């Protein structure tokens, strides 16, 4: 499996908004560069580190399920409050 294919595989599990980000496109570009051998030796290691940093940043941009559940709870509470009679 190529680095580019591996990055694509990792991106598949992320929300579309994250996959469509500039950071994702940059990660794919770095991966393609590694596969095509444009960097050698220590340069390749630097590109690989940068790719790793991009992937960490991408994963940190993914909303957690707790965030989604918390938002649902807040929305429900707001609806209940709006529909409850004033006392």
PDB file of N, CA and C in Angstrom:
ATOM      1  N   UNK A   1       0.854  -1.177   0.000  1.00  0.00           N
ATOM      2  CA  UNK A   1       0.000   0.000   0.000  1.00  0.00           C
ATOM      3  C   UNK A   1       0.897   1.236   0.000  1.00  0.00           C
ATOM      4  N   UNK A   2       0.543   2.203  -0.810  1.00  0.00           N
ATOM      5  CA  UNK A   2       1.317   3.439  -0.858  1.00  0.00           C
ATOM      6  C   UNK A   2       0.921   4.347   0.311  1.00  0.00           C
ATOM      7  N   UNK A   3       1.757   5.332   0.562  1.00  0.00           N
ATOM      8  CA  UNK A   3       1.458   6.308   1.614  1.00  0.00           C
ATOM      9  C   UNK A   3       0.174   7.057   1.245  1.00  0.00           C
ATOM     10  N   UNK A   4       0.040   7.424  -0.018  1.00  0.00           N
ATOM     11  CA  UNK A   4      -1.151   8.135  -0.486  1.00  0.00           C
ATOM     12  C   UNK A   4      -2.406   7.299  -0.229  1.00  0.00           C
ATOM     13  N   UNK A   5      -2.362   6.017  -0.552  1.00  0.00           N
ATOM     14  CA  UNK A   5      -3.503   5.130  -0.314  1.00  0.00           C
ATOM     15  C   UNK A   5      -3.811   5.020   1.175  1.00  0.00           C
ATOM     16  N   UNK A   6      -2.778   4.962   1.995  1.00  0.00           N
ATOM     17  CA  UNK A   6      -2.976   4.864   3.443  1.00  0.00           C
ATOM     18  C   UNK A   6      -3.628   6.128   3.995  1.00  0.00           C
ATOM     19  N   UNK A   7      -3.197   7.282   3.510  1.00  0.00           N
ATOM     20  CA  UNK A   7      -3.798   8.543   3.958  1.00  0.00           C
ATOM     21  C   UNK A   7      -5.257   8.602   3.498  1.00  0.00           C
ATOM     22  N   UNK A   8      -5.533   8.204   2.264  1.00  0.00           N
ATOM     23  CA  UNK A   8      -6.919   8.162   1.783  1.00  0.00           C
ATOM     24  C   UNK A   8      -7.770   7.255   2.673  1.00  0.00           C
ATOM     25  N   UNK A   9      -7.223   6.116   3.030  1.00  0.00           N
ATOM     26  CA  UNK A   9      -7.928   5.176   3.910  1.00  0.00           C
ATOM     27  C   UNK A   9      -8.236   5.831   5.252  1.00  0.00           C
ATOM     28  N   UNK A  10      -7.262   6.528   5.825  1.00  0.00           N
ATOM     29  CA  UNK A  10      -7.470   7.201   7.109  1.00  0.00           C
ATOM     30  C   UNK A  10      -8.512   8.316   6.992  1.00  0.00           C
ATOM     31  N   UNK A  11      -8.498   9.025   5.886  1.00  0.00           N
ATOM     32  CA  UNK A  11      -9.429  10.131   5.694  1.00  0.00           C
ATOM     33  C   UNK A  11     -10.873   9.643   5.522  1.00  0.00           C
ATOM     34  N   UNK A  12     -11.044   8.422   5.018  1.00  0.00           N
ATOM     35  CA  UNK A  12     -12.393   7.892   4.793  1.00  0.00           C
ATOM     36  C   UNK A  12     -13.233   7.867   6.062  1.00  0.00           C
ATOM     37  N   UNK A  13     -12.597   7.711   7.205  1.00  0.00           N
ATOM     38  CA  UNK A  13     -13.350   7.613   8.460  1.00  0.00           C
ATOM     39  C   UNK A  13     -13.702   8.982   9.043  1.00  0.00           C
ATOM     40  N   UNK A  14     -13.238  10.043   8.426  1.00  0.00           N
ATOM     41  CA  UNK A  14     -13.480  11.389   8.941  1.00  0.00           C
ATOM     42  C   UNK A  14     -14.704  12.014   8.275  1.00  0.00           C
ATOM     43  N   UNK A  15     -15.332  12.968   8.942  1.00  0.00           N
ATOM     44  CA  UNK A  15     -16.476  13.653   8.323  1.00  0.00           C
ATOM     45  C   UNK A  15     -16.065  14.348   7.025  1.00  0.00           C
ATOM     46  N   UNK A  16     -17.035  14.498   6.129  1.00  0.00           N
ATOM     47  CA  UNK A  16     -16.775  15.102   4.818  1.00  0.00           C
ATOM     48  C   UNK A  16     -16.147  16.484   4.950  1.00  0.00           C
ATOM     49  N   UNK A  17     -16.587  17.263   5.907  1.00  0.00           N
ATOM     50  CA  UNK A  17     -16.041  18.615   6.062  1.00  0.00           C
ATOM     51  C   UNK A  17     -14.550  18.591   6.367  1.00  0.00           C
ATOM     52  N   UNK A  18     -14.094  17.581   7.091  1.00  0.00           N
ATOM     53  CA  UNK A  18     -12.663  17.451   7.391  1.00  0.00           C
ATOM     54  C   UNK A  18     -11.926  16.928   6.169  1.00  0.00           C
ATOM     55  N   UNK A  19     -12.529  15.966   5.466  1.00  0.00           N
ATOM     56  CA  UNK A  19     -11.890  15.402   4.259  1.00  0.00           C
ATOM     57  C   UNK A  19     -11.726  16.450   3.172  1.00  0.00           C
ATOM     58  N   UNK A  20     -12.623  17.429   3.127  1.00  0.00           N
ATOM     59  CA  UNK A  20     -12.571  18.466   2.095  1.00  0.00           C
ATOM     60  C   UNK A  20     -11.705  19.662   2.483  1.00  0.00           C
ATOM     61  N   UNK A  21     -11.076  19.606   3.636  1.00  0.00           N
ATOM     62  CA  UNK A  21     -10.303  20.754   4.108  1.00  0.00           C
ATOM     63  C   UNK A  21      -8.965  20.870   3.383  1.00  0.00           C
ATOM     64  N   UNK A  22      -8.416  22.069   3.437  1.00  0.00           N
ATOM     65  CA  UNK A  22      -7.091  22.312   2.845  1.00  0.00           C
ATOM     66  C   UNK A  22      -6.035  21.453   3.522  1.00  0.00           C
ATOM     67  N   UNK A  23      -6.205  21.215   4.803  1.00  0.00           N
ATOM     68  CA  UNK A  23      -5.249  20.387   5.537  1.00  0.00           C
ATOM     69  C   UNK A  23      -5.243  18.964   4.993  1.00  0.00           C
ATOM     70  N   UNK A  24      -6.412  18.436   4.659  1.00  0.00           N
ATOM     71  CA  UNK A  24      -6.495  17.089   4.090  1.00  0.00           C
ATOM     72  C   UNK A  24      -5.838  17.043   2.713  1.00  0.00           C
ATOM     73  N   UNK A  25      -6.095  18.068   1.920  1.00  0.00           N
ATOM     74  CA  UNK A  25      -5.480  18.137   0.588  1.00  0.00           C
ATOM     75  C   UNK A  25      -3.958  18.216   0.710  1.00  0.00           C
ATOM     76  N   UNK A  26      -3.479  18.992   1.663  1.00  0.00           N
ATOM     77  CA  UNK A  26      -2.029  19.108   1.882  1.00  0.00           C
ATOM     78  C   UNK A  26      -1.444  17.768   2.327  1.00  0.00           C
ATOM     79  N   UNK A  27      -2.171  17.046   3.180  1.00  0.00           N
ATOM     80  CA  UNK A  27      -1.700  15.734   3.630  1.00  0.00           C
ATOM     81  C   UNK A  27      -1.584  14.780   2.447  1.00  0.00           C
ATOM     82  N   UNK A  28      -2.573  14.813   1.571  1.00  0.00           N
ATOM     83  CA  UNK A  28      -2.519  13.952   0.384  1.00  0.00           C
ATOM     84  C   UNK A  28      -1.349  14.329  -0.526  1.00  0.00           C
ATOM     85  N   UNK A  29      -1.073  15.612  -0.630  1.00  0.00           N
ATOM     86  CA  UNK A  29       0.047  16.072  -1.442  1.00  0.00           C
ATOM     87  C   UNK A  29       1.383  15.605  -0.857  1.00  0.00           C
ATOM     88  N   UNK A  30       1.504  15.722   0.463  1.00  0.00           N
ATOM     89  CA  UNK A  30       2.732  15.243   1.115  1.00  0.00           C
ATOM     90  C   UNK A  30       2.895  13.738   0.917  1.00  0.00           C
ATOM     91  N   UNK A  31       1.794  13.001   1.039  1.00  0.00           N
ATOM     92  CA  UNK A  31       1.851  11.549   0.863  1.00  0.00           C
ATOM     93  C   UNK A  31       2.271  11.187  -0.558  1.00  0.00           C
ATOM     94  N   UNK A  32       1.696  11.874  -1.534  1.00  0.00           N
ATOM     95  CA  UNK A  32       2.058  11.611  -2.926  1.00  0.00           C
ATOM     96  C   UNK A  32       3.529  11.918  -3.157  1.00  0.00           C
ATOM     97  N   UNK A  33       4.008  12.980  -2.555  1.00  0.00           N
ATOM     98  CA  UNK A  33       5.423  13.323  -2.683  1.00  0.00           C
ATOM     99  C   UNK A  33       6.329  12.253  -2.118  1.00  0.00           C
ATOM    100  N   UNK A  34       5.950  11.687  -0.980  1.00  0.00           N
ATOM    101  CA  UNK A  34       6.742  10.602  -0.406  1.00  0.00           C
ATOM    102  C   UNK A  34       6.741   9.388  -1.332  1.00  0.00           C
ATOM    103  N   UNK A  35       5.568   9.072  -1.883  1.00  0.00           N
ATOM    104  CA  UNK A  35       5.469   7.928  -2.793  1.00  0.00           C
ATOM    105  C   UNK A  35       6.286   8.140  -4.062  1.00  0.00           C
ATOM    106  N   UNK A  36       6.316   9.377  -4.542  1.00  0.00           N
ATOM    107  CA  UNK A  36       7.023   9.674  -5.788  1.00  0.00           C
ATOM    108  C   UNK A  36       8.510   9.919  -5.585  1.00  0.00           C
ATOM    109  N   UNK A  37       8.946   9.919  -4.338  1.00  0.00           N
ATOM    110  CA  UNK A  37      10.365  10.029  -4.039  1.00  0.00           C
ATOM    111  C   UNK A  37      10.957  11.412  -4.231  1.00  0.00           C
ATOM    112  N   UNK A  38      10.156  12.458  -4.118  1.00  0.00           N
ATOM    113  CA  UNK A  38      10.742  13.792  -4.307  1.00  0.00           C
ATOM    114  C   UNK A  38      11.636  14.201  -3.152  1.00  0.00           C
ATOM    115  N   UNK A  39      11.534  13.491  -2.032  1.00  0.00           N
ATOM    116  CA  UNK A  39      12.409  13.780  -0.893  1.00  0.00           C
ATOM    117  C   UNK A  39      13.213  12.516  -0.579  1.00  0.00           C
ATOM    118  N   UNK A  40      14.451  12.704  -0.242  1.00  0.00           N
ATOM    119  CA  UNK A  40      15.336  11.588   0.077  1.00  0.00           C
ATOM    120  C   UNK A  40      15.961  11.802   1.445  1.00  0.00           C
ATOM    121  N   UNK A  41      16.288  10.718   2.124  1.00  0.00           N
ATOM    122  CA  UNK A  41      17.008  10.785   3.385  1.00  0.00           C
ATOM    123  C   UNK A  41      16.315  11.625   4.436  1.00  0.00           C
ATOM    124  N   UNK A  42      17.052  12.590   4.967  1.00  0.00           N
ATOM    125  CA  UNK A  42      16.511  13.415   6.047  1.00  0.00           C
ATOM    126  C   UNK A  42      15.347  14.286   5.557  1.00  0.00           C
ATOM    127  N   UNK A  43      15.351  14.640   4.279  1.00  0.00           N
ATOM    128  CA  UNK A  43      14.224  15.400   3.730  1.00  0.00           C
ATOM    129  C   UNK A  43      12.955  14.547   3.774  1.00  0.00           C
ATOM    130  N   UNK A  44      13.063  13.278   3.440  1.00  0.00           N
ATOM    131  CA  UNK A  44      11.911  12.376   3.486  1.00  0.00           C
ATOM    132  C   UNK A  44      11.408  12.244   4.915  1.00  0.00           C
ATOM    133  N   UNK A  45      12.328  12.182   5.859  1.00  0.00           N
ATOM    134  CA  UNK A  45      11.926  12.101   7.266  1.00  0.00           C
ATOM    135  C   UNK A  45      11.188  13.371   7.687  1.00  0.00           C
ATOM    136  N   UNK A  46      11.644  14.509   7.220  1.00  0.00           N
ATOM    137  CA  UNK A  46      10.979  15.780   7.545  1.00  0.00           C
ATOM    138  C   UNK A  46       9.587  15.832   6.925  1.00  0.00           C
ATOM    139  N   UNK A  47       9.452  15.366   5.692  1.00  0.00           N
ATOM    140  CA  UNK A  47       8.150  15.340   5.030  1.00  0.00           C
ATOM    141  C   UNK A  47       7.217  14.377   5.763  1.00  0.00           C
ATOM    142  N   UNK A  48       7.745  13.225   6.173  1.00  0.00           N
ATOM    143  CA  UNK A  48       6.938  12.252   6.916  1.00  0.00           C
ATOM    144  C   UNK A  48       6.471  12.840   8.248  1.00  0.00           C
ATOM    145  N   UNK A  49       7.340  13.585   8.929  1.00  0.00           N
ATOM    146  CA  UNK A  49       6.940  14.237  10.184  1.00  0.00           C
ATOM    147  C   UNK A  49       5.853  15.271   9.930  1.00  0.00           C
ATOM    148  N   UNK A  50       6.003  16.022   8.858  1.00  0.00           N
ATOM    149  CA  UNK A  50       4.995  17.030   8.521  1.00  0.00           C
ATOM    150  C   UNK A  50       3.663  16.355   8.192  1.00  0.00           C
ATOM    151  N   UNK A  51       3.708  15.243   7.481  1.00  0.00           N
ATOM    152  CA  UNK A  51       2.491  14.492   7.181  1.00  0.00           C
ATOM    153  C   UNK A  51       1.845  14.005   8.472  1.00  0.00           C
ATOM    154  N   UNK A  52       2.659  13.503   9.387  1.00  0.00           N
ATOM    155  CA  UNK A  52       2.136  13.060  10.675  1.00  0.00           C
ATOM    156  C   UNK A  52       1.459  14.222  11.402  1.00  0.00           C
ATOM    157  N   UNK A  53       2.099  15.380  11.410  1.00  0.00           N
ATOM    158  CA  UNK A  53       1.512  16.558  12.060  1.00  0.00           C
ATOM    159  C   UNK A  53       0.178  16.942  11.417  1.00  0.00           C
ATOM    160  N   UNK A  54       0.117  16.864  10.094  1.00  0.00           N
ATOM    161  CA  UNK A  54      -1.131  17.168   9.393  1.00  0.00           C
ATOM    162  C   UNK A  54      -2.229  16.193   9.823  1.00  0.00           C
ATOM    163  N   UNK A  55      -1.886  14.911   9.910  1.00  0.00           N
ATOM    164  CA  UNK A  55      -2.890  13.907  10.279  1.00  0.00           C
ATOM    165  C   UNK A  55      -3.359  14.112  11.722  1.00  0.00           C
ATOM    166  N   UNK A  56      -2.459  14.465  12.612  1.00  0.00           N
ATOM    167  CA  UNK A  56      -2.836  14.751  13.999  1.00  0.00           C
ATOM    168  C   UNK A  56      -3.780  15.944  14.034  1.00  0.00           C
ATOM    169  N   UNK A  57      -3.457  16.990  13.279  1.00  0.00           N
ATOM    170  CA  UNK A  57      -4.315  18.176  13.225  1.00  0.00           C
ATOM    171  C   UNK A  57      -5.689  17.838  12.648  1.00  0.00           C
ATOM    172  N   UNK A  58      -5.710  17.015  11.611  1.00  0.00           N
ATOM    173  CA  UNK A  58      -6.991  16.624  11.020  1.00  0.00           C
ATOM    174  C   UNK A  58      -7.855  15.890  12.041  1.00  0.00           C
ATOM    175  N   UNK A  59      -7.247  14.962  12.758  1.00  0.00           N
ATOM    176  CA  UNK A  59      -8.003  14.200  13.754  1.00  0.00           C
ATOM    177  C   UNK A  59      -8.492  15.085  14.883  1.00  0.00           C
ATOM    178  N   UNK A  60      -7.742  16.114  15.212  1.00  0.00           N
ATOM    179  CA  UNK A  60      -8.167  17.007  16.290  1.00  0.00           C
ATOM    180  C   UNK A  60      -9.319  17.905  15.841  1.00  0.00           C
ATOM    181  N   UNK A  61      -9.545  18.020  14.536  1.00  0.00           N
ATOM    182  CA  UNK A  61     -10.647  18.823  14.007  1.00  0.00           C
ATOM    183  C   UNK A  61     -11.958  18.055  13.908  1.00  0.00           C
ATOM    184  N   UNK A  62     -11.921  16.766  14.254  1.00  0.00           N
ATOM    185  CA  UNK A  62     -13.128  15.943  14.173  1.00  0.00           C
ATOM    186  C   UNK A  62     -13.960  16.164  15.430  1.00  0.00           C
ATOM    187  N   UNK A  63     -15.226  16.542  15.263  1.00  0.00           N
ATOM    188  CA  UNK A  63     -16.066  16.704  16.451  1.00  0.00           C
ATOM    189  C   UNK A  63     -16.267  15.353  17.133  1.00  0.00           C
ATOM    190  N   UNK A  64     -16.183  15.353  18.434  1.00  0.00           N
ATOM    191  CA  UNK A  64     -16.358  14.097  19.165  1.00  0.00           C
ATOM    192  C   UNK A  64     -17.840  13.790  19.285  1.00  0.00           C
ATOM    193  N   UNK A  65     -18.149  12.517  19.523  1.00  0.00           N
ATOM    194  CA  UNK A  65     -19.544  12.128  19.708  1.00  0.00           C
ATOM    195  C   UNK A  65     -20.121  12.809  20.940  1.00  0.00           C
ATOM    196  N   UNK A  66     -19.286  13.029  21.952  1.00  0.00           N
ATOM    197  CA  UNK A  66     -19.753  13.716  23.150  1.00  0.00           C
ATOM    198  C   UNK A  66     -20.234  15.119  22.800  1.00  0.00           C
ATOM    199  N   UNK A  67     -19.522  15.799  21.908  1.00  0.00           N
ATOM    200  CA  UNK A  67     -19.940  17.125  21.472  1.00  0.00           C
ATOM    201  C   UNK A  67     -21.308  17.061  20.800  1.00  0.00           C
ATOM    202  N   UNK A  68     -21.497  16.063  19.946  1.00  0.00           N
ATOM    203  CA  UNK A  68     -22.766  15.912  19.239  1.00  0.00           C
ATOM    204  C   UNK A  68     -23.885  15.583  20.217  1.00  0.00           C
ATOM    205  N   UNK A  69     -23.632  14.682  21.147  1.00  0.00           N
ATOM    206  CA  UNK A  69     -24.642  14.319  22.138  1.00  0.00           C
ATOM    207  C   UNK A  69     -24.949  15.523  23.020  1.00  0.00           C
ATOM    208  N   UNK A  70     -23.933  16.232  23.427  1.00  0.00           N
ATOM    209  CA  UNK A  70     -24.135  17.432  24.235  1.00  0.00           C
ATOM    210  C   UNK A  70     -24.989  18.454  23.521  1.00  0.00           C
ATOM    211  N   UNK A  71     -24.774  18.609  22.230  1.00  0.00           N
ATOM    212  CA  UNK A  71     -25.583  19.558  21.451  1.00  0.00           C
ATOM    213  C   UNK A  71     -27.029  19.105  21.376  1.00  0.00           C
ATOM    214  N   UNK A  72     -27.251  17.812  21.213  1.00  0.00           N
ATOM    215  CA  UNK A  72     -28.618  17.278  21.184  1.00  0.00           C
ATOM    216  C   UNK A  72     -29.315  17.548  22.513  1.00  0.00           C
ATOM    217  N   UNK A  73     -28.592  17.304  23.610  1.00  0.00           N
ATOM    218  CA  UNK A  73     -29.165  17.548  24.938  1.00  0.00           C
ATOM    219  C   UNK A  73     -29.508  19.028  25.107  1.00  0.00           C
ATOM    220  N   UNK A  74     -28.618  19.915  24.685  1.00  0.00           N
ATOM    221  CA  UNK A  74     -28.879  21.357  24.793  1.00  0.00           C
ATOM    222  C   UNK A  74     -30.084  21.766  23.952  1.00  0.00           C
ATOM    223  N   UNK A  75     -30.163  21.237  22.730  1.00  0.00           N
ATOM    224  CA  UNK A  75     -31.292  21.564  21.853  1.00  0.00           C
ATOM    225  C   UNK A  75     -32.608  21.092  22.469  1.00  0.00           C
ATOM    226  N   UNK A  76     -32.600  19.897  23.034  1.00  0.00           N
ATOM    227  CA  UNK A  76     -33.812  19.351  23.656  1.00  0.00           C
ATOM    228  C   UNK A  76     -34.218  20.210  24.853  1.00  0.00           C
ATOM    229  N   UNK A  77     -33.251  20.574  25.675  1.00  0.00           N
ATOM    230  CA  UNK A  77     -33.549  21.407  26.842  1.00  0.00           C
ATOM    231  C   UNK A  77     -34.128  22.752  26.405  1.00  0.00           C
ATOM    232  N   UNK A  78     -33.602  23.323  25.342  1.00  0.00           N
ATOM    233  CA  UNK A  78     -34.108  24.602  24.844  1.00  0.00           C
ATOM    234  C   UNK A  78     -35.535  24.456  24.337  1.00  0.00           C
ATOM    235  N   UNK A  79     -35.810  23.364  23.627  1.00  0.00           N
ATOM    236  CA  UNK A  79     -37.177  23.131  23.147  1.00  0.00           C
ATOM    237  C   UNK A  79     -38.146  22.967  24.308  1.00  0.00           C
ATOM    238  N   UNK A  80     -37.729  22.175  25.309  1.00  0.00           N
ATOM    239  CA  UNK A  80     -38.590  21.964  26.480  1.00  0.00           C
ATOM    240  C   UNK A  80     -38.849  23.278  27.199  1.00  0.00           C
ATOM    241  N   UNK A  81     -37.809  24.082  27.347  1.00  0.00           N
ATOM    242  CA  UNK A  81     -37.963  25.371  28.034  1.00  0.00           C
ATOM    243  C   UNK A  81     -38.890  26.294  27.257  1.00  0.00           C
ATOM    244  N   UNK A  82     -38.800  26.269  25.946  1.00  0.00           N
ATOM    245  CA  UNK A  82     -39.647  27.123  25.105  1.00  0.00           C
ATOM    246  C   UNK A  82     -41.104  26.678  25.142  1.00  0.00           C
ATOM    247  N   UNK A  83     -41.320  25.383  25.330  1.00  0.00           N
ATOM    248  CA  UNK A  83     -42.691  24.857  25.336  1.00  0.00           C
ATOM    249  C   UNK A  83     -43.316  24.752  26.712  1.00  0.00           C
ATOM    250  N   UNK A  84     -42.549  24.978  27.761  1.00  0.00           N
ATOM    251  CA  UNK A  84     -43.111  24.853  29.111  1.00  0.00           C
ATOM    252  C   UNK A  84     -43.885  26.112  29.469  1.00  0.00           C
ATOM    253  N   UNK A  85     -44.995  25.925  30.221  1.00  0.00           N
ATOM    254  CA  UNK A  85     -45.763  27.097  30.627  1.00  0.00           C
ATOM    255  C   UNK A  85     -44.997  27.933  31.638  1.00  0.00           C
ATOM    256  N   UNK A  86     -45.168  29.218  31.577  1.00  0.00           N
ATOM    257  CA  UNK A  86     -44.508  30.119  32.534  1.00  0.00           C
ATOM    258  C   UNK A  86     -45.193  30.007  33.861  1.00  0.00           C
ATOM    259  N   UNK A  87     -44.430  30.047  34.928  1.00  0.00           N
ATOM    260  CA  UNK A  87     -45.013  29.975  36.264  1.00  0.00           C
ATOM    261  C   UNK A  87     -44.835  31.259  37.005  1.00  0.00           C
TER     262      UNK A  87
END
